[in-house]
PDB file of N, CA and C in Angstrom:
ATOM      1  N   MET A   1      11.917  43.255 -29.477  1.00  0.00           N
ATOM      2  CA  MET A   1      12.255  44.341 -28.220  1.00  0.00           C
ATOM      3  C   MET A   1      11.014  44.646 -27.309  1.00  0.00           C
ATOM      4  N   ALA A   2      11.355  44.416 -26.085  1.00  0.00           N
ATOM      5  CA  ALA A   2      10.142  44.610 -25.205  1.00  0.00           C
ATOM      6  C   ALA A   2       9.616  46.212 -25.184  1.00  0.00           C
ATOM      7  N   GLU A   3       8.264  46.439 -24.893  1.00  0.00           N
ATOM      8  CA  GLU A   3       8.046  47.727 -24.856  1.00  0.00           C
ATOM      9  C   GLU A   3       8.423  48.287 -23.400  1.00  0.00           C
ATOM     10  N   GLN A   4       8.743  49.346 -23.148  1.00  0.00           N
ATOM     11  CA  GLN A   4       9.338  50.107 -22.076  1.00  0.00           C
ATOM     12  C   GLN A   4       8.131  50.598 -21.195  1.00  0.00           C
ATOM     13  N   VAL A   5       8.232  50.654 -19.881  1.00  0.00           N
ATOM     14  CA  VAL A   5       7.368  51.599 -18.858  1.00  0.00           C
ATOM     15  C   VAL A   5       8.392  52.409 -18.102  1.00  0.00           C
ATOM     16  N   TYR A   6       7.638  53.615 -18.211  1.00  0.00           N
ATOM     17  CA  TYR A   6       8.289  54.962 -17.571  1.00  0.00           C
ATOM     18  C   TYR A   6       7.741  55.233 -16.307  1.00  0.00           C
ATOM     19  N   LYS A   7       8.334  55.842 -15.574  1.00  0.00           N
ATOM     20  CA  LYS A   7       7.962  56.770 -14.461  1.00  0.00           C
ATOM     21  C   LYS A   7       8.547  58.096 -14.330  1.00  0.00           C
ATOM     22  N   LYS A   8       7.942  59.024 -13.994  1.00  0.00           N
ATOM     23  CA  LYS A   8       8.328  60.360 -13.889  1.00  0.00           C
ATOM     24  C   LYS A   8       8.477  61.061 -12.454  1.00  0.00           C
ATOM     25  N   ILE A   9       9.467  61.637 -12.066  1.00  0.00           N
ATOM     26  CA  ILE A   9       9.572  62.294 -10.907  1.00  0.00           C
ATOM     27  C   ILE A   9       9.827  63.737 -11.362  1.00  0.00           C
ATOM     28  N   ASP A  10       9.458  64.571 -10.222  1.00  0.00           N
ATOM     29  CA  ASP A  10       9.762  66.056 -10.554  1.00  0.00           C
ATOM     30  C   ASP A  10      11.013  66.449  -9.511  1.00  0.00           C
ATOM     31  N   VAL A  11      11.775  67.264  -9.899  1.00  0.00           N
ATOM     32  CA  VAL A  11      12.825  67.758  -8.901  1.00  0.00           C
ATOM     33  C   VAL A  11      13.352  69.197  -9.525  1.00  0.00           C
ATOM     34  N   VAL A  12      13.773  69.898  -8.468  1.00  0.00           N
ATOM     35  CA  VAL A  12      14.057  71.534  -8.733  1.00  0.00           C
ATOM     36  C   VAL A  12      15.544  71.545  -8.483  1.00  0.00           C
ATOM     37  N   GLY A  13      16.036  72.011  -9.663  1.00  0.00           N
ATOM     38  CA  GLY A  13      17.488  72.457  -9.759  1.00  0.00           C
ATOM     39  C   GLY A  13      17.745  73.906  -9.312  1.00  0.00           C
ATOM     40  N   THR A  14      18.875  74.220  -8.879  1.00  0.00           N
ATOM     41  CA  THR A  14      19.013  75.731  -8.546  1.00  0.00           C
ATOM     42  C   THR A  14      20.520  75.996  -8.952  1.00  0.00           C
ATOM     43  N   SER A  15      20.539  77.277  -9.574  1.00  0.00           N
ATOM     44  CA  SER A  15      22.015  77.832  -9.510  1.00  0.00           C
ATOM     45  C   SER A  15      22.124  79.593  -9.448  1.00  0.00           C
ATOM     46  N   SER A  16      23.055  79.766  -9.180  1.00  0.00           N
ATOM     47  CA  SER A  16      23.194  81.304  -9.153  1.00  0.00           C
ATOM     48  C   SER A  16      23.918  81.659 -10.547  1.00  0.00           C
ATOM     49  N   LYS A  17      24.224  80.696 -11.545  1.00  0.00           N
ATOM     50  CA  LYS A  17      24.881  80.904 -12.790  1.00  0.00           C
ATOM     51  C   LYS A  17      23.999  81.195 -13.756  1.00  0.00           C
ATOM     52  N   SER A  18      23.042  80.084 -14.148  1.00  0.00           N
ATOM     53  CA  SER A  18      22.190  80.016 -15.412  1.00  0.00           C
ATOM     54  C   SER A  18      21.160  78.959 -15.133  1.00  0.00           C
ATOM     55  N   LEU A  19      20.154  79.017 -16.054  1.00  0.00           N
ATOM     56  CA  LEU A  19      19.118  77.801 -16.099  1.00  0.00           C
ATOM     57  C   LEU A  19      19.964  76.581 -16.324  1.00  0.00           C
ATOM     58  N   GLU A  20      20.699  76.635 -17.539  1.00  0.00           N
ATOM     59  CA  GLU A  20      21.349  75.302 -17.846  1.00  0.00           C
ATOM     60  C   GLU A  20      22.338  74.688 -16.531  1.00  0.00           C
ATOM     61  N   VAL A  21      22.859  75.365 -15.907  1.00  0.00           N
ATOM     62  CA  VAL A  21      23.668  74.820 -14.748  1.00  0.00           C
ATOM     63  C   VAL A  21      22.608  74.364 -13.803  1.00  0.00           C
ATOM     64  N   ALA A  22      21.499  74.956 -13.581  1.00  0.00           N
ATOM     65  CA  ALA A  22      20.400  74.477 -12.694  1.00  0.00           C
ATOM     66  C   ALA A  22      19.944  73.325 -13.042  1.00  0.00           C
ATOM     67  N   ILE A  23      19.613  72.728 -14.394  1.00  0.00           N
ATOM     68  CA  ILE A  23      18.993  71.827 -14.852  1.00  0.00           C
ATOM     69  C   ILE A  23      20.176  70.566 -14.591  1.00  0.00           C
ATOM     70  N   GLN A  24      21.513  70.901 -14.871  1.00  0.00           N
ATOM     71  CA  GLN A  24      22.532  70.124 -15.046  1.00  0.00           C
ATOM     72  C   GLN A  24      22.883  69.584 -13.449  1.00  0.00           C
ATOM     73  N   ASN A  25      22.748  70.523 -12.501  1.00  0.00           N
ATOM     74  CA  ASN A  25      22.433  69.963 -11.149  1.00  0.00           C
ATOM     75  C   ASN A  25      21.369  69.359 -10.644  1.00  0.00           C
ATOM     76  N   ALA A  26      20.262  69.537 -11.238  1.00  0.00           N
ATOM     77  CA  ALA A  26      19.013  68.702 -10.689  1.00  0.00           C
ATOM     78  C   ALA A  26      19.218  67.064 -11.329  1.00  0.00           C
ATOM     79  N   VAL A  27      19.835  67.087 -12.611  1.00  0.00           N
ATOM     80  CA  VAL A  27      20.180  65.709 -13.143  1.00  0.00           C
ATOM     81  C   VAL A  27      21.139  64.851 -12.420  1.00  0.00           C
ATOM     82  N   ALA A  28      22.439  65.580 -12.358  1.00  0.00           N
ATOM     83  CA  ALA A  28      23.402  65.107 -11.692  1.00  0.00           C
ATOM     84  C   ALA A  28      23.245  64.734 -10.239  1.00  0.00           C
ATOM     85  N   LYS A  29      22.292  65.444  -9.389  1.00  0.00           N
ATOM     86  CA  LYS A  29      21.957  65.064  -8.076  1.00  0.00           C
ATOM     87  C   LYS A  29      21.005  63.843  -7.920  1.00  0.00           C
ATOM     88  N   SER A  30      20.230  63.874  -9.040  1.00  0.00           N
ATOM     89  CA  SER A  30      19.124  62.689  -8.991  1.00  0.00           C
ATOM     90  C   SER A  30      19.882  61.419  -9.544  1.00  0.00           C
ATOM     91  N   ALA A  31      21.146  61.613 -10.218  1.00  0.00           N
ATOM     92  CA  ALA A  31      21.662  60.227 -10.900  1.00  0.00           C
ATOM     93  C   ALA A  31      22.108  59.639  -9.753  1.00  0.00           C
ATOM     94  N   LYS A  32      22.405  60.111  -8.395  1.00  0.00           N
ATOM     95  CA  LYS A  32      23.004  59.585  -7.299  1.00  0.00           C
ATOM     96  C   LYS A  32      22.179  58.532  -6.754  1.00  0.00           C
ATOM     97  N   THR A  33      20.799  58.511  -7.201  1.00  0.00           N
ATOM     98  CA  THR A  33      19.867  57.684  -6.308  1.00  0.00           C
ATOM     99  C   THR A  33      18.917  57.122  -7.597  1.00  0.00           C
ATOM    100  N   VAL A  34      18.882  57.906  -8.444  1.00  0.00           N
ATOM    101  CA  VAL A  34      17.762  57.094  -9.701  1.00  0.00           C
ATOM    102  C   VAL A  34      18.505  56.432 -10.594  1.00  0.00           C
ATOM    103  N   ARG A  35      17.971  55.244 -10.776  1.00  0.00           N
ATOM    104  CA  ARG A  35      18.672  54.525 -11.810  1.00  0.00           C
ATOM    105  C   ARG A  35      17.800  54.713 -13.134  1.00  0.00           C
ATOM    106  N   ASN A  36      18.481  54.416 -14.375  1.00  0.00           N
ATOM    107  CA  ASN A  36      17.815  54.003 -15.508  1.00  0.00           C
ATOM    108  C   ASN A  36      17.233  55.527 -16.159  1.00  0.00           C
ATOM    109  N   MET A  37      17.698  56.737 -15.756  1.00  0.00           N
ATOM    110  CA  MET A  37      17.111  57.934 -16.312  1.00  0.00           C
ATOM    111  C   MET A  37      17.199  57.951 -17.627  1.00  0.00           C
ATOM    112  N   LYS A  38      16.265  58.424 -18.595  1.00  0.00           N
ATOM    113  CA  LYS A  38      16.349  58.595 -19.909  1.00  0.00           C
ATOM    114  C   LYS A  38      16.162  59.831 -20.417  1.00  0.00           C
ATOM    115  N   TRP A  39      15.404  60.618 -19.996  1.00  0.00           N
ATOM    116  CA  TRP A  39      14.943  62.103 -20.443  1.00  0.00           C
ATOM    117  C   TRP A  39      14.598  62.976 -19.364  1.00  0.00           C
ATOM    118  N   PHE A  40      14.396  64.167 -19.725  1.00  0.00           N
ATOM    119  CA  PHE A  40      13.894  65.288 -18.898  1.00  0.00           C
ATOM    120  C   PHE A  40      13.214  66.169 -19.658  1.00  0.00           C
ATOM    121  N   GLU A  41      12.494  66.833 -18.832  1.00  0.00           N
ATOM    122  CA  GLU A  41      11.578  67.988 -19.575  1.00  0.00           C
ATOM    123  C   GLU A  41      11.437  69.155 -18.630  1.00  0.00           C
ATOM    124  N   VAL A  42      11.601  70.371 -19.188  1.00  0.00           N
ATOM    125  CA  VAL A  42      11.388  71.705 -18.266  1.00  0.00           C
ATOM    126  C   VAL A  42      10.187  71.842 -17.996  1.00  0.00           C
ATOM    127  N   VAL A  43       9.679  71.834 -16.905  1.00  0.00           N
ATOM    128  CA  VAL A  43       8.228  72.046 -16.424  1.00  0.00           C
ATOM    129  C   VAL A  43       8.009  73.376 -15.876  1.00  0.00           C
ATOM    130  N   GLU A  44       8.965  74.105 -15.374  1.00  0.00           N
ATOM    131  CA  GLU A  44       8.464  75.473 -14.874  1.00  0.00           C
ATOM    132  C   GLU A  44      10.182  76.090 -14.567  1.00  0.00           C
ATOM    133  N   THR A  45      10.140  77.509 -15.019  1.00  0.00           N
ATOM    134  CA  THR A  45      11.437  78.119 -14.575  1.00  0.00           C
ATOM    135  C   THR A  45      10.786  79.372 -13.673  1.00  0.00           C
ATOM    136  N   ARG A  46      12.029  79.676 -12.706  1.00  0.00           N
ATOM    137  CA  ARG A  46      11.443  80.774 -12.026  1.00  0.00           C
ATOM    138  C   ARG A  46      12.963  81.351 -11.462  1.00  0.00           C
ATOM    139  N   GLY A  47      12.909  82.144 -10.609  1.00  0.00           N
ATOM    140  CA  GLY A  47      14.118  82.848  -9.902  1.00  0.00           C
ATOM    141  C   GLY A  47      13.789  83.772  -8.774  1.00  0.00           C
ATOM    142  N   ARG A  48      15.144  83.883  -8.127  1.00  0.00           N
ATOM    143  CA  ARG A  48      15.224  84.725  -6.643  1.00  0.00           C
ATOM    144  C   ARG A  48      15.810  86.173  -7.324  1.00  0.00           C
ATOM    145  N   ILE A  49      15.056  86.921  -6.760  1.00  0.00           N
ATOM    146  CA  ILE A  49      15.667  88.575  -7.003  1.00  0.00           C
ATOM    147  C   ILE A  49      16.316  88.986  -5.857  1.00  0.00           C
ATOM    148  N   LYS A  50      17.486  89.557  -5.728  1.00  0.00           N
ATOM    149  CA  LYS A  50      17.880  90.221  -4.542  1.00  0.00           C
ATOM    150  C   LYS A  50      18.664  91.524  -5.123  1.00  0.00           C
ATOM    151  N   ASN A  51      18.289  92.575  -4.412  1.00  0.00           N
ATOM    152  CA  ASN A  51      18.789  93.826  -4.656  1.00  0.00           C
ATOM    153  C   ASN A  51      18.529  94.344  -6.086  1.00  0.00           C
ATOM    154  N   GLY A  52      17.279  94.089  -6.772  1.00  0.00           N
ATOM    155  CA  GLY A  52      16.818  94.301  -7.957  1.00  0.00           C
ATOM    156  C   GLY A  52      17.802  93.505  -9.256  1.00  0.00           C
ATOM    157  N   GLU A  53      18.303  92.333  -8.742  1.00  0.00           N
ATOM    158  CA  GLU A  53      19.149  91.392  -9.706  1.00  0.00           C
ATOM    159  C   GLU A  53      18.601  90.184  -9.472  1.00  0.00           C
ATOM    160  N   VAL A  54      18.928  89.460 -10.785  1.00  0.00           N
ATOM    161  CA  VAL A  54      18.799  88.010 -10.575  1.00  0.00           C
ATOM    162  C   VAL A  54      19.754  87.324  -9.673  1.00  0.00           C
ATOM    163  N   ALA A  55      19.291  86.567  -8.473  1.00  0.00           N
ATOM    164  CA  ALA A  55      20.554  85.987  -7.619  1.00  0.00           C
ATOM    165  C   ALA A  55      20.335  84.529  -7.839  1.00  0.00           C
ATOM    166  N   GLU A  56      19.395  83.766  -8.218  1.00  0.00           N
ATOM    167  CA  GLU A  56      19.205  82.553  -8.368  1.00  0.00           C
ATOM    168  C   GLU A  56      18.183  82.167  -9.673  1.00  0.00           C
ATOM    169  N   TRP A  57      18.589  81.117 -10.210  1.00  0.00           N
ATOM    170  CA  TRP A  57      17.676  80.459 -11.376  1.00  0.00           C
ATOM    171  C   TRP A  57      17.120  79.041 -10.518  1.00  0.00           C
ATOM    172  N   GLN A  58      15.897  78.824 -10.659  1.00  0.00           N
ATOM    173  CA  GLN A  58      15.352  77.713 -10.176  1.00  0.00           C
ATOM    174  C   GLN A  58      14.427  77.010 -11.257  1.00  0.00           C
ATOM    175  N   VAL A  59      14.673  75.635 -11.580  1.00  0.00           N
ATOM    176  CA  VAL A  59      14.232  75.296 -12.787  1.00  0.00           C
ATOM    177  C   VAL A  59      13.490  73.826 -12.273  1.00  0.00           C
ATOM    178  N   THR A  60      12.337  73.527 -12.546  1.00  0.00           N
ATOM    179  CA  THR A  60      11.595  72.224 -12.119  1.00  0.00           C
ATOM    180  C   THR A  60      11.719  71.662 -13.140  1.00  0.00           C
ATOM    181  N   ILE A  61      12.083  70.208 -13.185  1.00  0.00           N
ATOM    182  CA  ILE A  61      12.149  69.184 -14.258  1.00  0.00           C
ATOM    183  C   ILE A  61      11.634  67.784 -14.002  1.00  0.00           C
ATOM    184  N   SER A  62      10.844  67.533 -14.880  1.00  0.00           N
ATOM    185  CA  SER A  62      10.465  66.300 -14.753  1.00  0.00           C
ATOM    186  C   SER A  62      11.333  65.094 -15.490  1.00  0.00           C
ATOM    187  N   ILE A  63      11.958  64.027 -14.608  1.00  0.00           N
ATOM    188  CA  ILE A  63      12.897  63.136 -14.982  1.00  0.00           C
ATOM    189  C   ILE A  63      12.162  61.864 -15.199  1.00  0.00           C
ATOM    190  N   GLY A  64      12.322  61.327 -16.460  1.00  0.00           N
ATOM    191  CA  GLY A  64      11.581  60.133 -16.880  1.00  0.00           C
ATOM    192  C   GLY A  64      12.673  58.776 -16.881  1.00  0.00           C
ATOM    193  N   PHE A  65      12.161  57.747 -16.109  1.00  0.00           N
ATOM    194  CA  PHE A  65      13.275  56.615 -15.971  1.00  0.00           C
ATOM    195  C   PHE A  65      12.355  55.395 -16.220  1.00  0.00           C
ATOM    196  N   THR A  66      13.226  54.308 -16.884  1.00  0.00           N
ATOM    197  CA  THR A  66      12.533  53.285 -16.971  1.00  0.00           C
ATOM    198  C   THR A  66      12.199  52.348 -15.865  1.00  0.00           C
ATOM    199  N   VAL A  67      11.202  51.741 -15.742  1.00  0.00           N
ATOM    200  CA  VAL A  67      10.776  50.743 -14.687  1.00  0.00           C
ATOM    201  C   VAL A  67      11.282  49.397 -14.838  1.00  0.00           C
ATOM    202  N   THR A  68      12.161  48.719 -14.299  1.00  0.00           N
ATOM    203  CA  THR A  68      12.530  47.310 -14.492  1.00  0.00           C
ATOM    204  C   THR A  68      11.797  46.428 -13.599  1.00  0.00           C
TER     205      THR A  68
END
C-alpha cells in the first residue's frame, strides 16, 4: 500500500441550532469542492450572543484530505 500525503484546510461552520450542526454544515459545504476528504478536527469553538442568549454557534475545523 502506498503511503498517503495529506493537506489540511481550515473552514468555519455556523448554525443557530448546535455545534454539531455547525460542523456538519462546514463538512457538507466543503464536500462540494474538496475531493478525498478523510477526517476533521475541531480547532476552535465560539458563538454570537444576542439579547443575552446564544444566537449562533461558530466552529472552526481543519479538514484533512489526500493529495493525489
